[in-house]
Amino acid sequence: MKTPRPTQSHRCDGVSRRDFLHLGLLTSFGLSVTDLLRLQAAAAEAPGHSAKAKSCILIWLDGGPSHLDMFDLKPEAPSEVRSQFKAIPTSVTGLHICEHLPLTAGVMKDVALIRSLTHELGNHDTGTRFMLTGHRPTPALEHPSLGSLVAQTHGFGGAMPPYVAIPNDGVGGDSNAARAGYLPGACSAFNVGNDPSRVGGLQLPEGVSFARGEHRREMLRKMDAFSRHIEEGPPTRDRDAFYEQAYRLLASTEAKEAFDLSREKSETRERYGHARVGAGCLLARRLVEAGSRFVTVVDTGWDTHQQIFKELPDSRFPGSGKLPALDRAYSALITDLRERGLLDSTLVVLMGEFGRTPKLNALGGRDHWPRAGSVCLAGGGVKGGQVIGATNSFGEIPVERPVGPPDLAFTILKFLGVDPTRELTTPTGRPMKVMSEGSFIKELVGV
């Protein structure tokens, strides 16, 4: 059977990416906003932890980026394995990466490159769940995403949503991997819509004023007081609190400005590039600067089963390739954060669900390969300018320091002040550790 040609809206499994982040737009001021937030009921602010990073920007390369054509090239391998791309030197002595990532090569002194990511789940859905939660998927329990755990830990006291997702074309996989899982719905991500350059839903609807809103607030207080006599439960008890959340978000000039890319200088927008991943990374920087704790930027189109050496570079026309757009956006984000004094407090993670097969297929592409892959981490206390782990000469398996999704999740949470050993309780009363396995990757802090 012919392998389907992947596009930026479909992966090889044929699934249209309908919001794997389970996102919802804030679209109005009245009861609909309250209802949106009320769905996020009963999220408790847990005791704080000593964090090296205040926030995280996760750039998710949806579809499975090829480690062999990006960060782990094997120029000495046979022709059916090695990339057609050249390996170029970086700002780190002895470290070489793909020629189509020249700007990224210049910032690798800030980056810790893990070349030994490995797991066993080669399906998009299960691989994504594993990577974004640190838990192997099971039908018995849906585990919360890393962003949801960060939101649950640090709470919802300000006007900025603590967990935000910036999808490309408003899409992703159908894995539910970035949802709140067994945590309250409040810990799910806030969606900015299809286009990060024009975030909607943050203005009052026509004919609605804050004076009218005050009247609504008073009416809701009276309604809730009456409801409590009839039914006592989290949605009723917390209705006022969620209405206040909605009110703060819509009333905050600073929050609305954080979502507005038009306030950036044209030179800054040019630096990030005109692709959506560039706009997404720029918006992510603005959001963490304004107080968001975890921002996911989704870049689709990495499921390269066919013509990988044409799909990844700008071989068809300027702006057609995945690598140049990512190169510009990622390097600009690292540089921008450093120049603004935000890199030390912002953890930046670049990854996808798995790597690609060492051997090229008959269609000139690479298939799914979870046994080996690469992850980049920068900022937030990470010791940059180093490589952790290694794969064998064909890029098939790790031969040094294997790192699994639980290790990566454990480490990211630890950097962000979430205790991975803390015990939570599921809605059925079942005690559950934040991370049931995994350990901290000590090399990231130079240990």
Protein backbone atom coordinates (compact mmCIF):
# COMPACT_ATOMS: atom_id res chain seq x y z
CA MET A 1 0.00 0.00 0.00
CA LYS A 2 1.34 3.38 -0.92
CA THR A 3 2.40 5.52 2.01
CA PRO A 4 0.23 8.65 2.18
CA ARG A 5 2.02 11.86 1.46
CA PRO A 6 2.25 13.84 4.69
CA THR A 7 1.18 17.45 4.67
CA GLN A 8 1.19 20.19 7.24
CA SER A 9 -2.35 19.21 8.23
CA HIS A 10 -2.09 15.44 8.17
CA ARG A 11 0.40 12.92 9.43
CA CYS A 12 0.94 9.47 7.90
CA ASP A 13 -1.72 7.96 10.17
CA GLY A 14 -4.33 10.00 8.29
CA VAL A 15 -5.43 11.84 11.43
CA SER A 16 -6.29 15.47 10.91
CA ARG A 17 -4.67 17.38 13.72
CA ARG A 18 -7.76 18.48 15.63
CA ASP A 19 -6.25 20.20 18.62
CA PHE A 20 -4.20 17.56 20.41
CA LEU A 21 -3.81 20.36 22.94
CA HIS A 22 -7.56 20.42 23.68
CA LEU A 23 -7.60 24.17 23.39
CA GLY A 24 -10.41 26.68 23.59
CA LEU A 25 -10.59 30.31 22.52
CA LEU A 26 -11.70 32.97 24.96
CA THR A 27 -14.38 34.54 22.81
CA SER A 28 -16.66 36.66 24.94
CA PHE A 29 -17.04 38.48 28.21
CA GLY A 30 -20.24 37.12 29.70
CA LEU A 31 -21.33 33.69 30.83
CA SER A 32 -19.53 31.89 28.01
CA VAL A 33 -16.16 33.00 29.39
CA THR A 34 -17.21 31.94 32.84
CA ASP A 35 -18.37 28.59 31.52
CA LEU A 36 -15.01 28.11 29.79
CA LEU A 37 -13.14 28.76 32.97
CA ARG A 38 -15.61 26.87 35.12
CA LEU A 39 -14.81 23.76 33.08
CA GLN A 40 -11.34 24.21 34.56
CA ALA A 41 -12.68 23.61 38.03
CA ALA A 42 -10.98 23.09 41.37
CA ALA A 43 -7.29 23.54 40.43
CA ALA A 44 -5.43 23.99 43.70
CA GLU A 45 -2.22 25.93 44.02
CA ALA A 46 0.31 23.53 45.46
CA PRO A 47 3.20 24.59 47.67
CA GLY A 48 6.00 26.14 45.67
CA HIS A 49 9.36 24.52 44.97
CA SER A 50 12.74 26.03 44.44
CA ALA A 51 12.88 26.39 40.66
CA LYS A 52 15.81 27.10 38.41
CA ALA A 53 13.42 28.26 35.69
CA LYS A 54 10.35 30.45 36.05
CA SER A 55 8.89 29.42 32.72
CA CYS A 56 9.27 27.02 29.80
CA ILE A 57 8.86 27.34 26.03
CA LEU A 58 8.39 23.96 24.39
CA ILE A 59 8.78 23.89 20.61
CA TRP A 60 7.00 20.72 19.53
CA LEU A 61 8.01 19.35 16.11
CA ASP A 62 4.88 17.36 15.37
CA GLY A 63 5.33 14.27 13.21
CA GLY A 64 8.78 13.13 14.30
CA PRO A 65 11.90 15.15 13.33
CA SER A 66 14.78 13.24 11.75
CA HIS A 67 17.75 13.15 14.13
CA LEU A 68 19.94 11.88 11.27
CA ASP A 69 19.27 14.97 9.17
CA MET A 70 19.37 17.60 11.92
CA PHE A 71 21.45 17.05 15.05
CA ASP A 72 23.04 13.60 14.69
CA LEU A 73 24.37 13.31 11.15
CA LYS A 74 26.44 10.25 10.28
CA PRO A 75 28.64 11.36 7.36
CA GLU A 76 30.66 8.12 7.42
CA ALA A 77 27.61 5.85 7.17
CA PRO A 78 26.61 4.05 3.92
CA SER A 79 24.61 6.01 1.34
CA GLU A 80 21.33 4.32 2.28
CA VAL A 81 21.76 5.69 5.83
CA ARG A 82 23.65 8.97 5.75
CA SER A 83 21.99 12.29 5.09
CA GLN A 84 22.53 14.19 1.87
CA PHE A 85 23.02 17.28 4.04
CA LYS A 86 26.50 18.32 5.07
CA ALA A 87 27.56 18.59 8.70
CA ILE A 88 28.78 22.08 9.64
CA PRO A 89 30.72 23.25 12.71
CA THR A 90 28.94 25.11 15.50
CA SER A 91 29.92 27.55 18.24
CA VAL A 92 30.88 24.49 20.31
CA THR A 93 34.25 22.98 19.40
CA GLY A 94 33.85 19.54 17.86
CA LEU A 95 30.05 19.73 17.56
CA HIS A 96 28.59 19.56 14.05
CA ILE A 97 24.96 19.80 12.95
CA CYS A 98 23.03 20.10 9.68
CA GLU A 99 24.10 22.69 7.10
CA HIS A 100 20.51 23.95 6.92
CA LEU A 101 20.69 25.05 10.57
CA PRO A 102 23.48 27.65 10.31
CA LEU A 103 21.88 30.15 12.71
CA THR A 104 21.22 27.40 15.23
CA ALA A 105 24.87 26.41 14.91
CA GLY A 106 25.75 29.86 16.17
CA VAL A 107 23.75 29.50 19.41
CA MET A 108 24.74 25.94 20.34
CA LYS A 109 26.96 27.31 23.09
CA ASP A 110 23.67 27.95 24.94
CA VAL A 111 22.22 24.53 24.09
CA ALA A 112 22.58 21.10 25.64
CA LEU A 113 22.03 18.52 22.90
CA ILE A 114 20.78 15.09 23.97
CA ARG A 115 21.53 12.58 21.20
CA SER A 116 20.37 9.47 23.06
CA LEU A 117 16.62 9.88 23.45
CA THR A 118 15.01 6.46 23.21
CA HIS A 119 11.70 4.70 23.75
CA GLU A 120 9.59 1.97 22.17
CA LEU A 121 6.39 3.69 21.03
CA GLY A 122 6.52 4.33 17.28
CA ASN A 123 2.93 5.45 16.77
CA HIS A 124 2.32 9.22 16.59
CA ASP A 125 -0.41 9.18 19.21
CA THR A 126 1.29 7.02 21.79
CA GLY A 127 4.71 8.53 21.16
CA THR A 128 3.33 12.02 21.67
CA ARG A 129 1.55 11.02 24.86
CA PHE A 130 4.73 9.44 26.21
CA MET A 131 6.91 12.46 25.40
CA LEU A 132 4.51 15.13 26.65
CA THR A 133 3.49 13.40 29.86
CA GLY A 134 6.45 11.18 30.74
CA HIS A 135 4.03 8.25 31.20
CA ARG A 136 3.34 5.34 28.88
CA PRO A 137 -0.24 5.67 27.67
CA THR A 138 -2.82 3.46 29.32
CA PRO A 139 -6.60 3.29 28.84
CA ALA A 140 -6.98 3.14 32.61
CA LEU A 141 -5.85 6.72 33.28
CA GLU A 142 -5.10 9.84 31.27
CA HIS A 143 -1.99 11.48 32.66
CA PRO A 144 -1.59 15.28 32.72
CA SER A 145 0.78 17.04 30.37
CA LEU A 146 3.91 18.73 31.68
CA GLY A 147 2.34 22.14 31.09
CA SER A 148 -0.73 21.13 33.08
CA LEU A 149 1.43 20.02 35.99
CA VAL A 150 3.25 23.34 35.94
CA ALA A 151 -0.05 25.22 35.88
CA GLN A 152 -1.42 23.12 38.75
CA THR A 153 1.69 23.77 40.83
CA HIS A 154 2.02 27.52 40.30
CA GLY A 155 -1.66 28.45 40.17
CA PHE A 156 -3.84 31.03 38.47
CA GLY A 157 -3.46 34.21 40.49
CA GLY A 158 -2.57 36.62 37.68
CA ALA A 159 -4.26 37.86 34.54
CA MET A 160 -1.99 35.80 32.25
CA PRO A 161 -2.94 32.16 31.64
CA PRO A 162 -0.22 29.98 33.18
CA TYR A 163 -0.33 27.42 30.35
CA VAL A 164 -0.72 28.53 26.74
CA ALA A 165 -0.57 26.62 23.47
CA ILE A 166 0.25 28.16 20.09
CA PRO A 167 -0.79 25.65 17.41
CA ASN A 168 0.21 25.91 13.76
CA ASP A 169 -3.04 26.12 11.76
CA GLY A 170 -4.80 25.44 15.06
CA VAL A 171 -3.87 21.77 14.83
CA GLY A 172 -1.85 18.99 16.33
CA GLY A 173 -2.32 15.28 16.94
CA ASP A 174 -5.43 13.77 18.49
CA SER A 175 -3.48 12.34 21.42
CA ASN A 176 -4.88 14.53 24.21
CA ALA A 177 -1.25 14.61 25.33
CA ALA A 178 -1.26 18.28 26.32
CA ARG A 179 -4.48 18.14 28.29
CA ALA A 180 -4.96 18.16 32.04
CA GLY A 181 -5.55 14.40 32.33
CA TYR A 182 -6.75 13.54 35.82
CA LEU A 183 -6.09 17.10 37.01
CA PRO A 184 -8.91 19.68 36.98
CA GLY A 185 -9.72 21.18 33.60
CA ALA A 186 -8.26 24.51 34.73
CA CYS A 187 -4.85 23.02 34.05
CA SER A 188 -5.46 22.57 30.32
CA ALA A 189 -3.79 24.94 27.90
CA PHE A 190 -5.30 28.24 26.77
CA ASN A 191 -5.47 28.41 22.98
CA VAL A 192 -4.42 31.46 21.00
CA GLY A 193 -6.24 30.32 17.85
CA ASN A 194 -5.05 29.43 14.40
CA ASP A 195 -2.75 32.37 13.73
CA PRO A 196 -0.28 33.57 16.40
CA SER A 197 0.06 36.85 14.50
CA ARG A 198 -3.62 37.70 15.14
CA VAL A 199 -4.89 36.37 18.44
CA GLY A 200 -8.63 36.93 18.75
CA GLY A 201 -11.17 36.70 21.54
CA LEU A 202 -9.48 39.14 23.91
CA GLN A 203 -11.74 42.09 23.20
CA LEU A 204 -15.20 42.75 24.56
CA PRO A 205 -18.02 41.89 22.18
CA GLU A 206 -19.75 44.81 20.53
CA GLY A 207 -22.25 46.39 22.89
CA VAL A 208 -20.68 44.98 26.06
CA SER A 209 -18.91 47.33 28.45
CA PHE A 210 -17.19 46.78 31.76
CA ALA A 211 -19.99 48.72 33.43
CA ARG A 212 -22.39 46.13 32.06
CA GLY A 213 -19.93 43.49 33.12
CA GLU A 214 -20.07 44.70 36.72
CA HIS A 215 -23.83 44.24 36.64
CA ARG A 216 -23.34 40.71 35.35
CA ARG A 217 -20.83 39.96 38.08
CA GLU A 218 -23.27 41.03 40.76
CA MET A 219 -26.03 38.99 39.14
CA LEU A 220 -23.80 35.90 39.08
CA ARG A 221 -22.91 36.35 42.73
CA LYS A 222 -26.59 36.29 43.63
CA MET A 223 -27.23 33.29 41.36
CA ASP A 224 -24.36 31.36 42.92
CA ALA A 225 -25.52 32.20 46.44
CA PHE A 226 -28.88 30.68 45.53
CA SER A 227 -27.26 27.68 43.82
CA ARG A 228 -25.29 26.81 46.92
CA HIS A 229 -28.52 26.17 48.78
CA ILE A 230 -29.45 23.59 46.12
CA GLU A 231 -26.20 21.96 45.11
CA GLU A 232 -22.84 22.22 46.78
CA GLY A 233 -19.92 21.18 44.60
CA PRO A 234 -16.74 22.45 42.94
CA PRO A 235 -18.47 24.08 39.93
CA THR A 236 -20.82 26.00 42.21
CA ARG A 237 -18.29 26.88 44.86
CA ASP A 238 -15.72 28.10 42.36
CA ARG A 239 -17.96 29.95 39.93
CA ASP A 240 -17.12 33.36 41.37
CA ALA A 241 -13.40 32.60 41.26
CA PHE A 242 -13.49 31.61 37.59
CA TYR A 243 -15.57 34.63 36.71
CA GLU A 244 -12.88 36.75 38.36
CA GLN A 245 -10.29 34.96 36.22
CA ALA A 246 -12.17 35.82 33.08
CA TYR A 247 -12.68 39.38 34.22
CA ARG A 248 -8.99 39.88 35.05
CA LEU A 249 -7.88 38.54 31.68
CA LEU A 250 -10.24 40.74 29.69
CA ALA A 251 -9.71 43.78 31.87
CA SER A 252 -5.92 43.62 31.84
CA THR A 253 -4.34 45.91 29.26
CA GLU A 254 -0.96 44.28 29.90
CA ALA A 255 -2.32 40.79 29.28
CA LYS A 256 -3.97 41.78 26.01
CA GLU A 257 -0.84 43.58 24.86
CA ALA A 258 1.24 40.45 25.52
CA PHE A 259 -0.80 38.61 22.86
CA ASP A 260 -0.36 41.41 20.29
CA LEU A 261 2.59 40.85 17.94
CA SER A 262 1.93 44.14 16.17
CA ARG A 263 3.62 45.84 19.13
CA GLU A 264 6.94 44.29 18.16
CA LYS A 265 9.43 46.17 16.03
CA SER A 266 9.57 45.12 12.40
CA GLU A 267 13.24 44.19 12.84
CA THR A 268 12.34 41.79 15.62
CA ARG A 269 9.61 40.12 13.60
CA GLU A 270 12.02 39.85 10.68
CA ARG A 271 14.59 38.19 12.90
CA TYR A 272 12.12 35.42 13.84
CA GLY A 273 10.99 34.98 10.23
CA HIS A 274 7.59 35.00 8.57
CA ALA A 275 6.76 31.31 9.03
CA ARG A 276 4.21 30.46 11.69
CA VAL A 277 6.81 28.78 13.83
CA GLY A 278 8.62 32.12 13.91
CA ALA A 279 5.49 34.03 14.91
CA GLY A 280 4.75 31.32 17.47
CA CYS A 281 8.19 31.58 19.05
CA LEU A 282 7.99 35.37 19.19
CA LEU A 283 4.57 35.21 20.81
CA ALA A 284 5.89 32.64 23.29
CA ARG A 285 8.66 35.02 24.32
CA ARG A 286 6.11 37.80 24.87
CA LEU A 287 3.91 35.52 26.96
CA VAL A 288 6.63 34.27 29.31
CA GLU A 289 7.84 37.86 29.61
CA ALA A 290 4.33 38.79 30.75
CA GLY A 291 4.09 35.95 33.26
CA SER A 292 2.92 32.73 31.57
CA ARG A 293 4.63 29.66 32.98
CA PHE A 294 4.49 27.13 30.15
CA VAL A 295 4.03 27.89 26.45
CA THR A 296 3.90 25.20 23.76
CA VAL A 297 4.62 26.17 20.15
CA VAL A 298 3.43 23.47 17.73
CA ASP A 299 5.14 23.19 14.35
CA THR A 300 3.57 20.57 12.09
CA GLY A 301 4.87 18.88 8.96
CA TRP A 302 7.74 16.75 10.29
CA ASP A 303 6.31 13.37 9.25
CA THR A 304 8.74 12.98 6.35
CA HIS A 305 8.04 9.56 4.79
CA GLN A 306 8.73 10.89 1.29
CA GLN A 307 11.39 13.06 -0.36
CA ILE A 308 12.95 14.13 2.92
CA PHE A 309 15.83 15.92 1.20
CA LYS A 310 13.35 18.09 -0.69
CA GLU A 311 10.88 18.65 2.16
CA LEU A 312 13.35 19.79 4.81
CA PRO A 313 15.43 22.44 2.97
CA ASP A 314 14.19 25.32 0.80
CA SER A 315 14.50 23.17 -2.31
CA ARG A 316 11.15 23.98 -3.92
CA PHE A 317 10.96 27.74 -3.28
CA PRO A 318 12.13 30.17 -0.56
CA GLY A 319 10.19 29.45 2.60
CA SER A 320 9.13 25.95 1.56
CA GLY A 321 11.48 24.02 3.83
CA LYS A 322 11.01 23.05 7.46
CA LEU A 323 14.65 23.46 8.47
CA PRO A 324 15.28 27.09 7.43
CA ALA A 325 12.08 28.29 9.13
CA LEU A 326 12.91 26.44 12.33
CA ASP A 327 16.53 27.57 12.19
CA ARG A 328 15.50 31.20 12.07
CA ALA A 329 12.81 30.94 14.75
CA TYR A 330 14.78 28.83 17.22
CA SER A 331 18.01 30.82 16.99
CA ALA A 332 16.10 34.11 17.26
CA LEU A 333 14.28 32.91 20.37
CA ILE A 334 17.49 31.86 22.13
CA THR A 335 19.24 35.11 21.16
CA ASP A 336 16.27 37.31 22.05
CA LEU A 337 15.85 35.71 25.47
CA ARG A 338 19.55 36.10 26.18
CA GLU A 339 19.59 39.76 25.12
CA ARG A 340 16.58 40.52 27.34
CA GLY A 341 18.06 38.77 30.35
CA LEU A 342 15.36 36.09 30.22
CA LEU A 343 17.34 33.03 29.15
CA ASP A 344 18.46 32.12 32.67
CA SER A 345 14.84 32.04 33.84
CA THR A 346 13.31 30.45 30.71
CA LEU A 347 13.81 26.80 29.83
CA VAL A 348 13.58 26.23 26.06
CA VAL A 349 12.94 22.66 24.87
CA LEU A 350 12.98 21.52 21.23
CA MET A 351 11.68 18.02 20.51
CA GLY A 352 9.16 15.76 18.76
CA GLU A 353 7.64 12.35 19.41
CA PHE A 354 10.50 10.24 17.97
CA GLY A 355 13.33 10.14 15.42
CA ARG A 356 13.35 8.64 11.91
CA THR A 357 14.65 5.37 10.51
CA PRO A 358 18.37 5.15 9.79
CA LYS A 359 17.71 3.49 6.45
CA LEU A 360 16.02 5.57 3.75
CA ASN A 361 12.85 4.03 2.31
CA ALA A 362 11.97 3.51 -1.37
CA LEU A 363 10.24 6.90 -1.49
CA GLY A 364 13.32 8.81 -0.43
CA GLY A 365 12.02 9.41 3.09
CA ARG A 366 12.47 8.03 6.57
CA ASP A 367 9.87 6.23 8.65
CA HIS A 368 9.14 6.25 12.39
CA TRP A 369 12.02 5.30 14.69
CA PRO A 370 11.46 5.73 18.45
CA ARG A 371 14.63 3.87 19.40
CA ALA A 372 16.78 6.96 18.77
CA GLY A 373 16.20 10.70 18.62
CA SER A 374 17.52 14.09 19.67
CA VAL A 375 16.33 16.79 22.09
CA CYS A 376 17.69 20.30 22.61
CA LEU A 377 17.45 22.15 25.94
CA ALA A 378 18.64 25.67 26.65
CA GLY A 379 18.28 28.30 29.35
CA GLY A 380 16.59 27.91 32.70
CA GLY A 381 19.73 26.71 34.46
CA VAL A 382 20.82 24.27 31.74
CA LYS A 383 24.56 24.04 31.11
CA GLY A 384 24.87 24.76 27.39
CA GLY A 385 27.59 23.92 24.91
CA GLN A 386 27.54 20.17 25.52
CA VAL A 387 26.38 16.90 24.00
CA ILE A 388 24.79 14.25 26.20
CA GLY A 389 24.71 10.66 24.98
CA ALA A 390 25.51 9.16 21.58
CA THR A 391 24.06 6.71 19.07
CA ASN A 392 25.89 4.02 17.14
CA SER A 393 27.46 4.60 13.73
CA PHE A 394 24.11 4.24 11.92
CA GLY A 395 22.09 6.30 14.42
CA GLU A 396 20.02 3.26 15.34
CA ILE A 397 20.31 3.02 19.12
CA PRO A 398 22.01 4.85 21.97
CA VAL A 399 25.44 3.56 22.91
CA GLU A 400 26.04 6.17 25.61
CA ARG A 401 23.72 7.59 28.30
CA PRO A 402 20.26 6.54 27.06
CA VAL A 403 17.53 9.01 28.07
CA GLY A 404 13.86 8.01 28.13
CA PRO A 405 10.74 10.21 28.14
CA PRO A 406 10.29 9.72 31.91
CA ASP A 407 13.82 11.03 32.51
CA LEU A 408 13.18 14.04 30.30
CA ALA A 409 9.81 14.78 31.93
CA PHE A 410 11.25 14.35 35.43
CA THR A 411 14.05 16.78 34.57
CA ILE A 412 11.85 19.44 32.94
CA LEU A 413 9.49 19.43 35.90
CA LYS A 414 12.38 19.68 38.35
CA PHE A 415 13.79 22.69 36.50
CA LEU A 416 10.36 24.34 36.68
CA GLY A 417 9.85 23.85 40.40
CA VAL A 418 7.45 20.91 40.22
CA ASP A 419 8.35 18.07 42.57
CA PRO A 420 8.23 14.92 40.37
CA THR A 421 7.94 12.71 43.47
CA ARG A 422 4.93 14.56 44.86
CA GLU A 423 1.76 12.54 45.25
CA LEU A 424 -1.50 13.72 43.69
CA THR A 425 -4.99 12.25 43.88
CA THR A 426 -7.09 11.24 40.88
CA PRO A 427 -10.85 12.03 40.76
CA THR A 428 -11.52 8.46 41.92
CA GLY A 429 -9.37 8.96 45.00
CA ARG A 430 -6.40 6.99 43.71
CA PRO A 431 -3.01 8.30 44.92
CA MET A 432 -0.67 8.95 42.02
CA LYS A 433 2.90 10.20 41.95
CA VAL A 434 3.57 13.03 39.50
CA MET A 435 6.23 10.79 37.94
CA SER A 436 6.14 7.07 38.60
CA GLU A 437 9.56 6.56 36.99
CA GLY A 438 12.44 8.57 35.59
CA SER A 439 15.38 10.42 37.10
CA PHE A 440 17.04 13.81 36.80
CA ILE A 441 19.53 14.23 33.94
CA LYS A 442 22.42 15.50 36.05
CA GLU A 443 24.65 16.35 33.09
CA LEU A 444 22.32 19.26 32.25
CA VAL A 445 23.59 21.11 35.31
CA GLY A 446 27.18 19.96 34.94
CA VAL A 447 27.11 17.14 37.50
